[in-house]
Amino acid sequence: MHPYEVLKRPLLTEKTNLQSEMEHRYSFEVDRRANKLQVKEAVEKAFNVQVVAVNIINVPSKQRRLGRQVGHRPAWKKAIVKLAAGQSIQLFEGV
């Protein structure tokens, strides 16, 4: 898979911003078919950084209601990527 097919979007929340500043950990929504090796290669190619570790979480779908109508929010996959010391991703800086 191409790196931009694996990485869908960065996750920018208060928690992920603190993790990126303090621990050099960055969070992304990734393709549901991607594994840890594909995520590692995609981040290294896309941002020219060295990845030390990758953790992946499968977020399950959730039921949502609007009146009597019942629907589902789709399931998705989250990857938390730890970079080598002294490295950062410019996309997350200053947010």
N, C-alpha and C. Protein backbone atom coordinates (compact mmCIF):
# COMPACT_ATOMS: atom_id res chain seq x y z
N MET A 1 0.83 -1.18 0.00
CA MET A 1 0.00 0.00 0.00
C MET A 1 0.88 1.25 0.00
N HIS A 2 0.41 2.26 -0.67
CA HIS A 2 1.11 3.54 -0.70
C HIS A 2 0.99 4.20 0.69
N PRO A 3 2.03 4.95 1.13
CA PRO A 3 1.98 5.56 2.47
C PRO A 3 0.74 6.41 2.72
N TYR A 4 0.26 7.10 1.69
CA TYR A 4 -0.91 7.94 1.89
C TYR A 4 -2.22 7.16 1.82
N GLU A 5 -2.17 5.89 1.44
CA GLU A 5 -3.33 5.02 1.56
C GLU A 5 -3.42 4.44 2.96
N VAL A 6 -2.27 4.25 3.60
CA VAL A 6 -2.24 3.71 4.97
C VAL A 6 -2.65 4.79 5.96
N LEU A 7 -2.05 5.97 5.87
CA LEU A 7 -2.35 7.07 6.80
C LEU A 7 -3.54 7.86 6.28
N LYS A 8 -4.64 7.85 7.02
CA LYS A 8 -5.82 8.59 6.57
C LYS A 8 -5.79 10.03 7.05
N ARG A 9 -5.56 10.25 8.35
CA ARG A 9 -5.53 11.61 8.88
C ARG A 9 -4.87 11.59 10.25
N PRO A 10 -4.26 12.71 10.65
CA PRO A 10 -3.72 12.80 12.01
C PRO A 10 -4.86 13.04 13.00
N LEU A 11 -4.67 12.55 14.21
CA LEU A 11 -5.65 12.78 15.27
C LEU A 11 -5.12 13.89 16.16
N LEU A 12 -5.82 15.01 16.21
CA LEU A 12 -5.39 16.17 16.97
C LEU A 12 -6.39 16.44 18.09
N THR A 13 -6.03 16.02 19.29
CA THR A 13 -6.83 16.27 20.48
C THR A 13 -5.89 16.80 21.56
N GLU A 14 -6.44 17.19 22.69
CA GLU A 14 -5.59 17.65 23.79
C GLU A 14 -4.62 16.56 24.22
N LYS A 15 -5.12 15.35 24.34
CA LYS A 15 -4.28 14.24 24.79
C LYS A 15 -3.17 13.94 23.78
N THR A 16 -3.50 13.90 22.49
CA THR A 16 -2.47 13.59 21.49
C THR A 16 -1.46 14.73 21.37
N ASN A 17 -1.90 15.97 21.56
CA ASN A 17 -0.95 17.09 21.52
C ASN A 17 0.04 17.01 22.68
N LEU A 18 -0.43 16.65 23.87
CA LEU A 18 0.48 16.47 25.01
C LEU A 18 1.44 15.32 24.77
N GLN A 19 0.94 14.22 24.21
CA GLN A 19 1.81 13.08 23.93
C GLN A 19 2.88 13.44 22.91
N SER A 20 2.52 14.24 21.92
CA SER A 20 3.51 14.60 20.90
C SER A 20 4.58 15.51 21.47
N GLU A 21 4.21 16.41 22.37
CA GLU A 21 5.19 17.32 22.96
C GLU A 21 6.08 16.62 23.98
N MET A 22 5.50 15.81 24.84
CA MET A 22 6.24 15.22 25.95
C MET A 22 6.95 13.91 25.59
N GLU A 23 6.28 13.03 24.86
CA GLU A 23 6.78 11.67 24.66
C GLU A 23 7.15 11.35 23.21
N HIS A 24 7.03 12.29 22.30
CA HIS A 24 7.29 12.06 20.87
C HIS A 24 6.40 10.94 20.32
N ARG A 25 5.13 10.93 20.75
CA ARG A 25 4.15 9.96 20.27
C ARG A 25 3.11 10.71 19.44
N TYR A 26 2.83 10.20 18.25
CA TYR A 26 1.90 10.84 17.33
C TYR A 26 0.80 9.85 16.97
N SER A 27 -0.44 10.34 16.88
CA SER A 27 -1.59 9.47 16.62
C SER A 27 -2.16 9.75 15.24
N PHE A 28 -2.54 8.66 14.56
CA PHE A 28 -3.11 8.74 13.22
C PHE A 28 -4.29 7.80 13.12
N GLU A 29 -5.27 8.18 12.29
CA GLU A 29 -6.27 7.21 11.85
C GLU A 29 -5.67 6.53 10.64
N VAL A 30 -5.69 5.19 10.63
CA VAL A 30 -5.07 4.44 9.55
C VAL A 30 -6.10 3.51 8.91
N ASP A 31 -5.74 2.98 7.75
CA ASP A 31 -6.59 2.04 7.05
C ASP A 31 -6.82 0.81 7.92
N ARG A 32 -8.03 0.27 7.90
CA ARG A 32 -8.36 -0.86 8.77
C ARG A 32 -7.61 -2.12 8.39
N ARG A 33 -7.09 -2.21 7.17
CA ARG A 33 -6.35 -3.39 6.74
C ARG A 33 -4.86 -3.30 7.05
N ALA A 34 -4.38 -2.14 7.49
CA ALA A 34 -2.95 -1.92 7.70
C ALA A 34 -2.48 -2.60 8.98
N ASN A 35 -1.23 -3.09 8.94
CA ASN A 35 -0.63 -3.67 10.14
C ASN A 35 0.49 -2.76 10.64
N LYS A 36 1.17 -3.17 11.72
CA LYS A 36 2.18 -2.32 12.34
C LYS A 36 3.34 -2.01 11.39
N LEU A 37 3.78 -3.01 10.64
CA LEU A 37 4.91 -2.78 9.72
C LEU A 37 4.55 -1.79 8.63
N GLN A 38 3.34 -1.89 8.09
CA GLN A 38 2.91 -0.96 7.05
C GLN A 38 2.79 0.46 7.59
N VAL A 39 2.30 0.60 8.83
CA VAL A 39 2.18 1.93 9.44
C VAL A 39 3.57 2.51 9.67
N LYS A 40 4.50 1.70 10.16
CA LYS A 40 5.87 2.17 10.40
C LYS A 40 6.50 2.66 9.10
N GLU A 41 6.42 1.86 8.04
CA GLU A 41 7.00 2.25 6.76
C GLU A 41 6.34 3.51 6.21
N ALA A 42 5.03 3.63 6.35
CA ALA A 42 4.32 4.79 5.82
C ALA A 42 4.74 6.07 6.53
N VAL A 43 4.87 6.03 7.86
CA VAL A 43 5.27 7.23 8.61
C VAL A 43 6.71 7.60 8.27
N GLU A 44 7.59 6.60 8.18
CA GLU A 44 8.99 6.88 7.86
C GLU A 44 9.13 7.49 6.47
N LYS A 45 8.38 6.99 5.49
CA LYS A 45 8.47 7.53 4.13
C LYS A 45 7.81 8.90 4.01
N ALA A 46 6.67 9.07 4.66
CA ALA A 46 5.92 10.32 4.50
C ALA A 46 6.58 11.50 5.22
N PHE A 47 7.22 11.25 6.37
CA PHE A 47 7.73 12.36 7.18
C PHE A 47 9.25 12.34 7.38
N ASN A 48 9.96 11.38 6.81
CA ASN A 48 11.43 11.27 6.95
C ASN A 48 11.86 11.28 8.41
N VAL A 49 11.31 10.37 9.20
CA VAL A 49 11.66 10.22 10.61
C VAL A 49 11.93 8.75 10.88
N GLN A 50 12.51 8.47 12.06
CA GLN A 50 12.78 7.10 12.46
C GLN A 50 11.75 6.68 13.51
N VAL A 51 11.01 5.62 13.23
CA VAL A 51 9.96 5.14 14.13
C VAL A 51 10.55 4.07 15.04
N VAL A 52 10.31 4.21 16.35
CA VAL A 52 10.81 3.25 17.33
C VAL A 52 9.76 2.19 17.64
N ALA A 53 8.49 2.60 17.79
CA ALA A 53 7.43 1.66 18.14
C ALA A 53 6.10 2.11 17.55
N VAL A 54 5.23 1.12 17.31
CA VAL A 54 3.88 1.39 16.80
C VAL A 54 2.89 0.59 17.63
N ASN A 55 1.88 1.27 18.17
CA ASN A 55 0.77 0.61 18.85
C ASN A 55 -0.49 0.85 18.04
N ILE A 56 -1.31 -0.20 17.90
CA ILE A 56 -2.51 -0.10 17.09
C ILE A 56 -3.73 -0.46 17.94
N ILE A 57 -4.78 0.33 17.79
CA ILE A 57 -6.03 0.11 18.50
C ILE A 57 -7.15 0.02 17.48
N ASN A 58 -7.95 -1.04 17.55
CA ASN A 58 -9.16 -1.15 16.73
C ASN A 58 -10.31 -0.55 17.51
N VAL A 59 -10.85 0.56 17.03
CA VAL A 59 -11.96 1.23 17.70
C VAL A 59 -13.25 0.64 17.11
N PRO A 60 -14.10 0.02 17.94
CA PRO A 60 -15.29 -0.64 17.40
C PRO A 60 -16.35 0.36 16.95
N SER A 61 -17.29 -0.14 16.13
CA SER A 61 -18.40 0.72 15.70
C SER A 61 -19.34 0.94 16.88
N LYS A 62 -20.08 2.05 16.81
CA LYS A 62 -21.00 2.39 17.89
C LYS A 62 -22.39 2.64 17.31
N GLN A 63 -23.38 2.26 18.07
CA GLN A 63 -24.76 2.49 17.64
C GLN A 63 -25.14 3.93 17.93
N ARG A 64 -25.77 4.58 16.96
CA ARG A 64 -26.23 5.96 17.10
C ARG A 64 -27.71 6.01 16.72
N ARG A 65 -28.45 6.88 17.41
CA ARG A 65 -29.88 7.02 17.13
C ARG A 65 -30.20 8.46 16.81
N LEU A 66 -31.14 8.62 15.91
CA LEU A 66 -31.71 9.93 15.61
C LEU A 66 -33.22 9.72 15.57
N GLY A 67 -33.87 9.98 16.70
CA GLY A 67 -35.28 9.66 16.82
C GLY A 67 -35.46 8.15 16.85
N ARG A 68 -36.30 7.65 15.94
CA ARG A 68 -36.51 6.21 15.87
C ARG A 68 -35.51 5.52 14.96
N GLN A 69 -34.79 6.29 14.19
CA GLN A 69 -33.83 5.72 13.26
C GLN A 69 -32.58 5.26 14.00
N VAL A 70 -32.13 4.06 13.74
CA VAL A 70 -30.94 3.51 14.36
C VAL A 70 -29.88 3.34 13.29
N GLY A 71 -28.70 3.85 13.58
CA GLY A 71 -27.58 3.71 12.65
C GLY A 71 -26.33 3.32 13.40
N HIS A 72 -25.25 3.25 12.68
CA HIS A 72 -23.97 2.87 13.29
C HIS A 72 -22.89 3.83 12.84
N ARG A 73 -22.05 4.22 13.77
CA ARG A 73 -20.84 4.94 13.43
C ARG A 73 -19.82 3.87 13.04
N PRO A 74 -19.09 4.04 11.95
CA PRO A 74 -18.22 2.96 11.49
C PRO A 74 -17.04 2.70 12.41
N ALA A 75 -16.56 1.46 12.38
CA ALA A 75 -15.35 1.10 13.12
C ALA A 75 -14.15 1.69 12.40
N TRP A 76 -13.06 1.95 13.14
CA TRP A 76 -11.85 2.50 12.54
C TRP A 76 -10.64 2.04 13.32
N LYS A 77 -9.47 2.29 12.79
CA LYS A 77 -8.23 1.84 13.41
C LYS A 77 -7.36 3.05 13.72
N LYS A 78 -6.81 3.07 14.94
CA LYS A 78 -5.95 4.16 15.39
C LYS A 78 -4.55 3.61 15.61
N ALA A 79 -3.54 4.37 15.17
CA ALA A 79 -2.15 3.99 15.38
C ALA A 79 -1.45 5.09 16.17
N ILE A 80 -0.72 4.68 17.21
CA ILE A 80 0.10 5.60 17.99
C ILE A 80 1.55 5.26 17.69
N VAL A 81 2.27 6.23 17.14
CA VAL A 81 3.63 6.01 16.65
C VAL A 81 4.61 6.75 17.54
N LYS A 82 5.63 6.04 18.03
CA LYS A 82 6.66 6.67 18.85
C LYS A 82 7.90 6.87 17.99
N LEU A 83 8.44 8.10 18.01
CA LEU A 83 9.61 8.44 17.21
C LEU A 83 10.87 8.36 18.06
N ALA A 84 12.01 8.31 17.39
CA ALA A 84 13.30 8.32 18.07
C ALA A 84 13.49 9.66 18.77
N ALA A 85 14.35 9.67 19.78
CA ALA A 85 14.60 10.89 20.56
C ALA A 85 15.12 12.00 19.65
N GLY A 86 14.61 13.21 19.86
CA GLY A 86 15.06 14.36 19.10
C GLY A 86 14.38 14.56 17.76
N GLN A 87 13.47 13.66 17.38
CA GLN A 87 12.78 13.80 16.11
C GLN A 87 11.34 14.22 16.34
N SER A 88 10.78 14.93 15.37
CA SER A 88 9.39 15.36 15.47
C SER A 88 8.80 15.46 14.07
N ILE A 89 7.49 15.54 14.02
CA ILE A 89 6.76 15.70 12.77
C ILE A 89 6.25 17.14 12.73
N GLN A 90 6.62 17.88 11.70
CA GLN A 90 6.28 19.30 11.62
C GLN A 90 4.78 19.54 11.50
N LEU A 91 4.05 18.56 11.01
CA LEU A 91 2.61 18.69 10.86
C LEU A 91 1.93 18.97 12.20
N PHE A 92 2.48 18.44 13.28
CA PHE A 92 1.87 18.56 14.60
C PHE A 92 2.38 19.77 15.37
N GLU A 93 3.43 20.43 14.91
CA GLU A 93 4.02 21.54 15.64
C GLU A 93 3.14 22.77 15.55
N GLY A 94 2.98 23.48 16.66
CA GLY A 94 2.25 24.74 16.68
C GLY A 94 0.75 24.61 16.61
N VAL A 95 0.22 23.42 16.88
CA VAL A 95 -1.23 23.23 16.84
C VAL A 95 -1.78 23.39 18.23
